[in-house]
Amino acid sequence: MALLVDSPNWEWRGRMWCHLVSDNSLEELHAFARWIGIPTRAFQGDHYDIPDEARPVAVEEGAREVSSREIVLALYSAGLRRIPTGRG
């Protein structure tokens, strides 16, 4: 069981953002997000979007740094991946 965070590769509203996921359960993910002060409005169905300044806190509290590809693979492997609607 692990919490995973990728690099801040996405710019939005003048800030850089990264993804925080669990490879185990959404309950674990929500509990960890609360623990590090991430608001529930940042939850995006299967992950949290967190600003780059929150990333060091997530890592310090136990999240493992991984690539964006590893984030997606972990979500699929855990059966937690949700496909966003409205594509294509």
PDB file of N, CA and C in Angstrom:
ATOM      1  N   MET A   1       0.843  -1.172   0.000  1.00  0.00           N
ATOM      2  CA  MET A   1       0.000   0.000   0.000  1.00  0.00           C
ATOM      3  C   MET A   1       0.891   1.239   0.000  1.00  0.00           C
ATOM      4  N   ALA A   2       0.587   2.130  -0.951  1.00  0.00           N
ATOM      5  CA  ALA A   2       1.420   3.319  -1.057  1.00  0.00           C
ATOM      6  C   ALA A   2       0.618   4.501  -1.576  1.00  0.00           C
ATOM      7  N   LEU A   3       1.060   5.659  -1.168  1.00  0.00           N
ATOM      8  CA  LEU A   3       0.589   6.905  -1.748  1.00  0.00           C
ATOM      9  C   LEU A   3       1.659   7.331  -2.731  1.00  0.00           C
ATOM     10  N   LEU A   4       1.232   7.777  -3.890  1.00  0.00           N
ATOM     11  CA  LEU A   4       2.155   8.126  -4.961  1.00  0.00           C
ATOM     12  C   LEU A   4       1.911   9.553  -5.405  1.00  0.00           C
ATOM     13  N   VAL A   5       2.973  10.249  -5.761  1.00  0.00           N
ATOM     14  CA  VAL A   5       2.863  11.621  -6.267  1.00  0.00           C
ATOM     15  C   VAL A   5       3.820  11.768  -7.449  1.00  0.00           C
ATOM     16  N   ASP A   6       3.328  12.401  -8.515  1.00  0.00           N
ATOM     17  CA  ASP A   6       4.198  12.615  -9.669  1.00  0.00           C
ATOM     18  C   ASP A   6       4.774  14.025  -9.643  1.00  0.00           C
ATOM     19  N   SER A   7       5.532  14.367 -10.662  1.00  0.00           N
ATOM     20  CA  SER A   7       6.146  15.690 -10.759  1.00  0.00           C
ATOM     21  C   SER A   7       5.112  16.735 -11.146  1.00  0.00           C
ATOM     22  N   PRO A   8       5.328  17.984 -10.737  1.00  0.00           N
ATOM     23  CA  PRO A   8       4.396  19.051 -11.110  1.00  0.00           C
ATOM     24  C   PRO A   8       4.603  19.457 -12.575  1.00  0.00           C
ATOM     25  N   ASN A   9       3.883  18.794 -13.460  1.00  0.00           N
ATOM     26  CA  ASN A   9       4.047  19.016 -14.899  1.00  0.00           C
ATOM     27  C   ASN A   9       2.908  19.784 -15.550  1.00  0.00           C
ATOM     28  N   TRP A  10       1.889  20.145 -14.782  1.00  0.00           N
ATOM     29  CA  TRP A  10       0.708  20.777 -15.364  1.00  0.00           C
ATOM     30  C   TRP A  10       0.524  22.171 -14.806  1.00  0.00           C
ATOM     31  N   GLU A  11       0.440  23.139 -15.704  1.00  0.00           N
ATOM     32  CA  GLU A  11       0.262  24.530 -15.309  1.00  0.00           C
ATOM     33  C   GLU A  11      -1.213  24.891 -15.407  1.00  0.00           C
ATOM     34  N   TRP A  12      -1.711  25.550 -14.387  1.00  0.00           N
ATOM     35  CA  TRP A  12      -3.091  26.030 -14.383  1.00  0.00           C
ATOM     36  C   TRP A  12      -3.158  27.234 -13.464  1.00  0.00           C
ATOM     37  N   ARG A  13      -3.716  28.309 -13.990  1.00  0.00           N
ATOM     38  CA  ARG A  13      -3.880  29.550 -13.220  1.00  0.00           C
ATOM     39  C   ARG A  13      -2.589  30.020 -12.570  1.00  0.00           C
ATOM     40  N   GLY A  14      -1.506  29.937 -13.339  1.00  0.00           N
ATOM     41  CA  GLY A  14      -0.231  30.454 -12.871  1.00  0.00           C
ATOM     42  C   GLY A  14       0.499  29.596 -11.844  1.00  0.00           C
ATOM     43  N   ARG A  15       0.020  28.385 -11.617  1.00  0.00           N
ATOM     44  CA  ARG A  15       0.665  27.469 -10.677  1.00  0.00           C
ATOM     45  C   ARG A  15       0.935  26.144 -11.371  1.00  0.00           C
ATOM     46  N   MET A  16       1.903  25.419 -10.834  1.00  0.00           N
ATOM     47  CA  MET A  16       2.196  24.084 -11.327  1.00  0.00           C
ATOM     48  C   MET A  16       1.527  23.078 -10.402  1.00  0.00           C
ATOM     49  N   TRP A  17       1.017  21.968 -11.020  1.00  0.00           N
ATOM     50  CA  TRP A  17       0.242  20.977 -10.287  1.00  0.00           C
ATOM     51  C   TRP A  17       0.760  19.570 -10.552  1.00  0.00           C
ATOM     52  N   CYS A  18       0.529  18.679  -9.594  1.00  0.00           N
ATOM     53  CA  CYS A  18       0.871  17.263  -9.740  1.00  0.00           C
ATOM     54  C   CYS A  18      -0.297  16.430  -9.233  1.00  0.00           C
ATOM     55  N   HIS A  19      -0.161  15.124  -9.345  1.00  0.00           N
ATOM     56  CA  HIS A  19      -1.229  14.203  -8.967  1.00  0.00           C
ATOM     57  C   HIS A  19      -0.819  13.394  -7.745  1.00  0.00           C
ATOM     58  N   LEU A  20      -1.788  13.181  -6.853  1.00  0.00           N
ATOM     59  CA  LEU A  20      -1.603  12.345  -5.677  1.00  0.00           C
ATOM     60  C   LEU A  20      -2.608  11.213  -5.760  1.00  0.00           C
ATOM     61  N   VAL A  21      -2.134   9.962  -5.676  1.00  0.00           N
ATOM     62  CA  VAL A  21      -3.009   8.788  -5.757  1.00  0.00           C
ATOM     63  C   VAL A  21      -2.627   7.761  -4.697  1.00  0.00           C
ATOM     64  N   SER A  22      -3.545   6.820  -4.501  1.00  0.00           N
ATOM     65  CA  SER A  22      -3.273   5.636  -3.688  1.00  0.00           C
ATOM     66  C   SER A  22      -3.255   4.436  -4.626  1.00  0.00           C
ATOM     67  N   ASP A  23      -2.392   3.475  -4.344  1.00  0.00           N
ATOM     68  CA  ASP A  23      -2.410   2.237  -5.119  1.00  0.00           C
ATOM     69  C   ASP A  23      -3.208   1.171  -4.380  1.00  0.00           C
ATOM     70  N   ASN A  24      -3.988   1.605  -3.358  1.00  0.00           N
ATOM     71  CA  ASN A  24      -4.741   0.669  -2.538  1.00  0.00           C
ATOM     72  C   ASN A  24      -6.229   0.991  -2.477  1.00  0.00           C
ATOM     73  N   SER A  25      -6.574   2.209  -2.046  1.00  0.00           N
ATOM     74  CA  SER A  25      -7.988   2.536  -1.875  1.00  0.00           C
ATOM     75  C   SER A  25      -8.213   4.038  -1.849  1.00  0.00           C
ATOM     76  N   LEU A  26      -9.430   4.425  -2.181  1.00  0.00           N
ATOM     77  CA  LEU A  26      -9.788   5.836  -2.108  1.00  0.00           C
ATOM     78  C   LEU A  26      -9.853   6.296  -0.652  1.00  0.00           C
ATOM     79  N   GLU A  27     -10.212   5.414   0.255  1.00  0.00           N
ATOM     80  CA  GLU A  27     -10.249   5.758   1.673  1.00  0.00           C
ATOM     81  C   GLU A  27      -8.859   6.167   2.155  1.00  0.00           C
ATOM     82  N   GLU A  28      -7.857   5.376   1.757  1.00  0.00           N
ATOM     83  CA  GLU A  28      -6.478   5.702   2.115  1.00  0.00           C
ATOM     84  C   GLU A  28      -6.086   7.052   1.521  1.00  0.00           C
ATOM     85  N   LEU A  29      -6.447   7.280   0.273  1.00  0.00           N
ATOM     86  CA  LEU A  29      -6.127   8.532  -0.401  1.00  0.00           C
ATOM     87  C   LEU A  29      -6.772   9.723   0.303  1.00  0.00           C
ATOM     88  N   HIS A  30      -8.068   9.624   0.615  1.00  0.00           N
ATOM     89  CA  HIS A  30      -8.764  10.726   1.275  1.00  0.00           C
ATOM     90  C   HIS A  30      -8.175  11.015   2.659  1.00  0.00           C
ATOM     91  N   ALA A  31      -7.865   9.972   3.403  1.00  0.00           N
ATOM     92  CA  ALA A  31      -7.285  10.156   4.733  1.00  0.00           C
ATOM     93  C   ALA A  31      -5.938  10.867   4.652  1.00  0.00           C
ATOM     94  N   PHE A  32      -5.114  10.459   3.684  1.00  0.00           N
ATOM     95  CA  PHE A  32      -3.800  11.079   3.521  1.00  0.00           C
ATOM     96  C   PHE A  32      -3.954  12.533   3.094  1.00  0.00           C
ATOM     97  N   ALA A  33      -4.837  12.802   2.159  1.00  0.00           N
ATOM     98  CA  ALA A  33      -5.058  14.176   1.704  1.00  0.00           C
ATOM     99  C   ALA A  33      -5.485  15.069   2.874  1.00  0.00           C
ATOM    100  N   ARG A  34      -6.406  14.574   3.693  1.00  0.00           N
ATOM    101  CA  ARG A  34      -6.821  15.341   4.878  1.00  0.00           C
ATOM    102  C   ARG A  34      -5.620  15.594   5.791  1.00  0.00           C
ATOM    103  N   TRP A  35      -4.825  14.543   5.995  1.00  0.00           N
ATOM    104  CA  TRP A  35      -3.660  14.630   6.882  1.00  0.00           C
ATOM    105  C   TRP A  35      -2.700  15.738   6.453  1.00  0.00           C
ATOM    106  N   ILE A  36      -2.500  15.895   5.140  1.00  0.00           N
ATOM    107  CA  ILE A  36      -1.539  16.902   4.674  1.00  0.00           C
ATOM    108  C   ILE A  36      -2.213  18.225   4.282  1.00  0.00           C
ATOM    109  N   GLY A  37      -3.514  18.330   4.546  1.00  0.00           N
ATOM    110  CA  GLY A  37      -4.192  19.608   4.349  1.00  0.00           C
ATOM    111  C   GLY A  37      -4.688  19.900   2.947  1.00  0.00           C
ATOM    112  N   ILE A  38      -4.915  18.874   2.147  1.00  0.00           N
ATOM    113  CA  ILE A  38      -5.439  19.068   0.794  1.00  0.00           C
ATOM    114  C   ILE A  38      -6.971  19.097   0.877  1.00  0.00           C
ATOM    115  N   PRO A  39      -7.608  20.134   0.332  1.00  0.00           N
ATOM    116  CA  PRO A  39      -9.079  20.227   0.422  1.00  0.00           C
ATOM    117  C   PRO A  39      -9.773  19.193  -0.467  1.00  0.00           C
ATOM    118  N   THR A  40     -10.954  18.767  -0.047  1.00  0.00           N
ATOM    119  CA  THR A  40     -11.703  17.760  -0.806  1.00  0.00           C
ATOM    120  C   THR A  40     -12.050  18.242  -2.209  1.00  0.00           C
ATOM    121  N   ARG A  41     -12.139  19.542  -2.425  1.00  0.00           N
ATOM    122  CA  ARG A  41     -12.453  20.051  -3.762  1.00  0.00           C
ATOM    123  C   ARG A  41     -11.353  19.726  -4.777  1.00  0.00           C
ATOM    124  N   ALA A  42     -10.179  19.324  -4.300  1.00  0.00           N
ATOM    125  CA  ALA A  42      -9.069  18.960  -5.192  1.00  0.00           C
ATOM    126  C   ALA A  42      -9.184  17.526  -5.702  1.00  0.00           C
ATOM    127  N   PHE A  43     -10.158  16.768  -5.193  1.00  0.00           N
ATOM    128  CA  PHE A  43     -10.327  15.380  -5.617  1.00  0.00           C
ATOM    129  C   PHE A  43     -10.954  15.331  -7.008  1.00  0.00           C
ATOM    130  N   GLN A  44     -10.379  14.528  -7.889  1.00  0.00           N
ATOM    131  CA  GLN A  44     -10.793  14.460  -9.283  1.00  0.00           C
ATOM    132  C   GLN A  44     -11.255  13.058  -9.696  1.00  0.00           C
ATOM    133  N   GLY A  45     -11.962  12.364  -8.823  1.00  0.00           N
ATOM    134  CA  GLY A  45     -12.521  11.064  -9.170  1.00  0.00           C
ATOM    135  C   GLY A  45     -11.654   9.878  -8.833  1.00  0.00           C
ATOM    136  N   ASP A  46     -10.349   9.979  -9.079  1.00  0.00           N
ATOM    137  CA  ASP A  46      -9.436   8.899  -8.710  1.00  0.00           C
ATOM    138  C   ASP A  46      -8.088   9.426  -8.229  1.00  0.00           C
ATOM    139  N   HIS A  47      -7.960  10.730  -8.160  1.00  0.00           N
ATOM    140  CA  HIS A  47      -6.718  11.352  -7.712  1.00  0.00           C
ATOM    141  C   HIS A  47      -7.015  12.748  -7.165  1.00  0.00           C
ATOM    142  N   TYR A  48      -6.026  13.300  -6.505  1.00  0.00           N
ATOM    143  CA  TYR A  48      -6.077  14.704  -6.097  1.00  0.00           C
ATOM    144  C   TYR A  48      -5.099  15.474  -6.965  1.00  0.00           C
ATOM    145  N   ASP A  49      -5.510  16.647  -7.401  1.00  0.00           N
ATOM    146  CA  ASP A  49      -4.584  17.599  -8.005  1.00  0.00           C
ATOM    147  C   ASP A  49      -4.030  18.423  -6.849  1.00  0.00           C
ATOM    148  N   ILE A  50      -2.714  18.415  -6.694  1.00  0.00           N
ATOM    149  CA  ILE A  50      -2.121  19.188  -5.608  1.00  0.00           C
ATOM    150  C   ILE A  50      -1.088  20.159  -6.185  1.00  0.00           C
ATOM    151  N   PRO A  51      -0.973  21.349  -5.610  1.00  0.00           N
ATOM    152  CA  PRO A  51      -0.007  22.320  -6.113  1.00  0.00           C
ATOM    153  C   PRO A  51       1.414  21.891  -5.785  1.00  0.00           C
ATOM    154  N   ASP A  52       2.347  22.369  -6.601  1.00  0.00           N
ATOM    155  CA  ASP A  52       3.738  21.945  -6.423  1.00  0.00           C
ATOM    156  C   ASP A  52       4.270  22.245  -5.023  1.00  0.00           C
ATOM    157  N   GLU A  53       3.768  23.285  -4.366  1.00  0.00           N
ATOM    158  CA  GLU A  53       4.276  23.585  -3.025  1.00  0.00           C
ATOM    159  C   GLU A  53       3.799  22.572  -1.976  1.00  0.00           C
ATOM    160  N   ALA A  54       2.755  21.791  -2.280  1.00  0.00           N
ATOM    161  CA  ALA A  54       2.287  20.755  -1.362  1.00  0.00           C
ATOM    162  C   ALA A  54       3.030  19.435  -1.576  1.00  0.00           C
ATOM    163  N   ARG A  55       3.713  19.297  -2.681  1.00  0.00           N
ATOM    164  CA  ARG A  55       4.397  18.043  -3.003  1.00  0.00           C
ATOM    165  C   ARG A  55       5.449  17.652  -1.962  1.00  0.00           C
ATOM    166  N   PRO A  56       6.313  18.589  -1.529  1.00  0.00           N
ATOM    167  CA  PRO A  56       7.304  18.198  -0.514  1.00  0.00           C
ATOM    168  C   PRO A  56       6.667  17.709   0.789  1.00  0.00           C
ATOM    169  N   VAL A  57       5.535  18.281   1.160  1.00  0.00           N
ATOM    170  CA  VAL A  57       4.831  17.835   2.363  1.00  0.00           C
ATOM    171  C   VAL A  57       4.341  16.402   2.168  1.00  0.00           C
ATOM    172  N   ALA A  58       3.765  16.123   0.993  1.00  0.00           N
ATOM    173  CA  ALA A  58       3.285  14.772   0.700  1.00  0.00           C
ATOM    174  C   ALA A  58       4.431  13.765   0.772  1.00  0.00           C
ATOM    175  N   VAL A  59       5.567  14.111   0.208  1.00  0.00           N
ATOM    176  CA  VAL A  59       6.731  13.214   0.218  1.00  0.00           C
ATOM    177  C   VAL A  59       7.249  13.037   1.642  1.00  0.00           C
ATOM    178  N   GLU A  60       7.342  14.137   2.383  1.00  0.00           N
ATOM    179  CA  GLU A  60       7.817  14.061   3.765  1.00  0.00           C
ATOM    180  C   GLU A  60       6.915  13.170   4.628  1.00  0.00           C
ATOM    181  N   GLU A  61       5.623  13.169   4.327  1.00  0.00           N
ATOM    182  CA  GLU A  61       4.670  12.368   5.096  1.00  0.00           C
ATOM    183  C   GLU A  61       4.504  10.942   4.562  1.00  0.00           C
ATOM    184  N   GLY A  62       5.272  10.598   3.515  1.00  0.00           N
ATOM    185  CA  GLY A  62       5.302   9.201   3.096  1.00  0.00           C
ATOM    186  C   GLY A  62       4.924   8.893   1.659  1.00  0.00           C
ATOM    187  N   ALA A  63       4.480   9.874   0.886  1.00  0.00           N
ATOM    188  CA  ALA A  63       4.162   9.598  -0.518  1.00  0.00           C
ATOM    189  C   ALA A  63       5.458   9.300  -1.283  1.00  0.00           C
ATOM    190  N   ARG A  64       5.364   8.362  -2.178  1.00  0.00           N
ATOM    191  CA  ARG A  64       6.522   7.969  -2.988  1.00  0.00           C
ATOM    192  C   ARG A  64       6.508   8.735  -4.305  1.00  0.00           C
ATOM    193  N   GLU A  65       7.632   9.284  -4.692  1.00  0.00           N
ATOM    194  CA  GLU A  65       7.764  10.026  -5.944  1.00  0.00           C
ATOM    195  C   GLU A  65       7.855   9.042  -7.104  1.00  0.00           C
ATOM    196  N   VAL A  66       6.961   9.212  -8.085  1.00  0.00           N
ATOM    197  CA  VAL A  66       6.926   8.330  -9.256  1.00  0.00           C
ATOM    198  C   VAL A  66       6.652   9.171 -10.505  1.00  0.00           C
ATOM    199  N   SER A  67       6.743   8.538 -11.661  1.00  0.00           N
ATOM    200  CA  SER A  67       6.424   9.209 -12.917  1.00  0.00           C
ATOM    201  C   SER A  67       4.903   9.250 -13.117  1.00  0.00           C
ATOM    202  N   SER A  68       4.466  10.092 -14.015  1.00  0.00           N
ATOM    203  CA  SER A  68       3.040  10.168 -14.337  1.00  0.00           C
ATOM    204  C   SER A  68       2.539   8.843 -14.900  1.00  0.00           C
ATOM    205  N   ARG A  69       3.371   8.179 -15.665  1.00  0.00           N
ATOM    206  CA  ARG A  69       3.006   6.864 -16.205  1.00  0.00           C
ATOM    207  C   ARG A  69       2.763   5.867 -15.071  1.00  0.00           C
ATOM    208  N   GLU A  70       3.627   5.893 -14.061  1.00  0.00           N
ATOM    209  CA  GLU A  70       3.454   4.993 -12.917  1.00  0.00           C
ATOM    210  C   GLU A  70       2.167   5.295 -12.146  1.00  0.00           C
ATOM    211  N   ILE A  71       1.776   6.560 -12.113  1.00  0.00           N
ATOM    212  CA  ILE A  71       0.511   6.954 -11.471  1.00  0.00           C
ATOM    213  C   ILE A  71      -0.651   6.229 -12.157  1.00  0.00           C
ATOM    214  N   VAL A  72      -0.697   6.337 -13.478  1.00  0.00           N
ATOM    215  CA  VAL A  72      -1.794   5.733 -14.241  1.00  0.00           C
ATOM    216  C   VAL A  72      -1.778   4.213 -14.101  1.00  0.00           C
ATOM    217  N   LEU A  73      -0.605   3.617 -14.214  1.00  0.00           N
ATOM    218  CA  LEU A  73      -0.502   2.161 -14.074  1.00  0.00           C
ATOM    219  C   LEU A  73      -0.951   1.694 -12.689  1.00  0.00           C
ATOM    220  N   ALA A  74      -0.595   2.433 -11.651  1.00  0.00           N
ATOM    221  CA  ALA A  74      -0.994   2.067 -10.296  1.00  0.00           C
ATOM    222  C   ALA A  74      -2.509   2.144 -10.132  1.00  0.00           C
ATOM    223  N   LEU A  75      -3.133   3.166 -10.716  1.00  0.00           N
ATOM    224  CA  LEU A  75      -4.591   3.302 -10.633  1.00  0.00           C
ATOM    225  C   LEU A  75      -5.283   2.137 -11.333  1.00  0.00           C
ATOM    226  N   TYR A  76      -4.816   1.792 -12.526  1.00  0.00           N
ATOM    227  CA  TYR A  76      -5.406   0.654 -13.242  1.00  0.00           C
ATOM    228  C   TYR A  76      -5.202  -0.642 -12.474  1.00  0.00           C
ATOM    229  N   SER A  77      -4.000  -0.864 -11.969  1.00  0.00           N
ATOM    230  CA  SER A  77      -3.677  -2.094 -11.253  1.00  0.00           C
ATOM    231  C   SER A  77      -4.545  -2.256  -9.999  1.00  0.00           C
ATOM    232  N   ALA A  78      -4.844  -1.146  -9.338  1.00  0.00           N
ATOM    233  CA  ALA A  78      -5.665  -1.186  -8.124  1.00  0.00           C
ATOM    234  C   ALA A  78      -7.160  -1.187  -8.429  1.00  0.00           C
ATOM    235  N   GLY A  79      -7.512  -1.034  -9.713  1.00  0.00           N
ATOM    236  CA  GLY A  79      -8.921  -0.979 -10.079  1.00  0.00           C
ATOM    237  C   GLY A  79      -9.587   0.342  -9.709  1.00  0.00           C
ATOM    238  N   LEU A  80      -8.777   1.381  -9.541  1.00  0.00           N
ATOM    239  CA  LEU A  80      -9.300   2.683  -9.125  1.00  0.00           C
ATOM    240  C   LEU A  80      -9.398   3.707 -10.251  1.00  0.00           C
ATOM    241  N   ARG A  81      -8.883   3.376 -11.426  1.00  0.00           N
ATOM    242  CA  ARG A  81      -8.855   4.363 -12.511  1.00  0.00           C
ATOM    243  C   ARG A  81     -10.259   4.686 -12.997  1.00  0.00           C
ATOM    244  N   ARG A  82     -10.551   5.969 -13.073  1.00  0.00           N
ATOM    245  CA  ARG A  82     -11.812   6.454 -13.609  1.00  0.00           C
ATOM    246  C   ARG A  82     -11.511   7.231 -14.875  1.00  0.00           C
ATOM    247  N   ILE A  83     -12.190   6.924 -15.940  1.00  0.00           N
ATOM    248  CA  ILE A  83     -11.978   7.604 -17.218  1.00  0.00           C
ATOM    249  C   ILE A  83     -12.812   8.892 -17.207  1.00  0.00           C
ATOM    250  N   PRO A  84     -12.164  10.049 -17.410  1.00  0.00           N
ATOM    251  CA  PRO A  84     -12.928  11.297 -17.438  1.00  0.00           C
ATOM    252  C   PRO A  84     -13.952  11.291 -18.562  1.00  0.00           C
ATOM    253  N   THR A  85     -15.124  11.826 -18.299  1.00  0.00           N
ATOM    254  CA  THR A  85     -16.168  11.953 -19.327  1.00  0.00           C
ATOM    255  C   THR A  85     -15.933  13.217 -20.122  1.00  0.00           C
ATOM    256  N   GLY A  86     -16.551  13.267 -21.296  1.00  0.00           N
ATOM    257  CA  GLY A  86     -16.440  14.462 -22.124  1.00  0.00           C
ATOM    258  C   GLY A  86     -15.236  14.497 -23.037  1.00  0.00           C
ATOM    259  N   ARG A  87     -14.550  13.394 -23.141  1.00  0.00           N
ATOM    260  CA  ARG A  87     -13.389  13.355 -24.063  1.00  0.00           C
ATOM    261  C   ARG A  87     -13.860  12.926 -25.436  1.00  0.00           C
ATOM    262  N   GLY A  88     -13.269  13.565 -26.439  1.00  0.00           N
ATOM    263  CA  GLY A  88     -13.467  13.162 -27.813  1.00  0.00           C
ATOM    264  C   GLY A  88     -14.808  13.422 -28.309  1.00  0.00           C
TER     265      GLY A  88
END
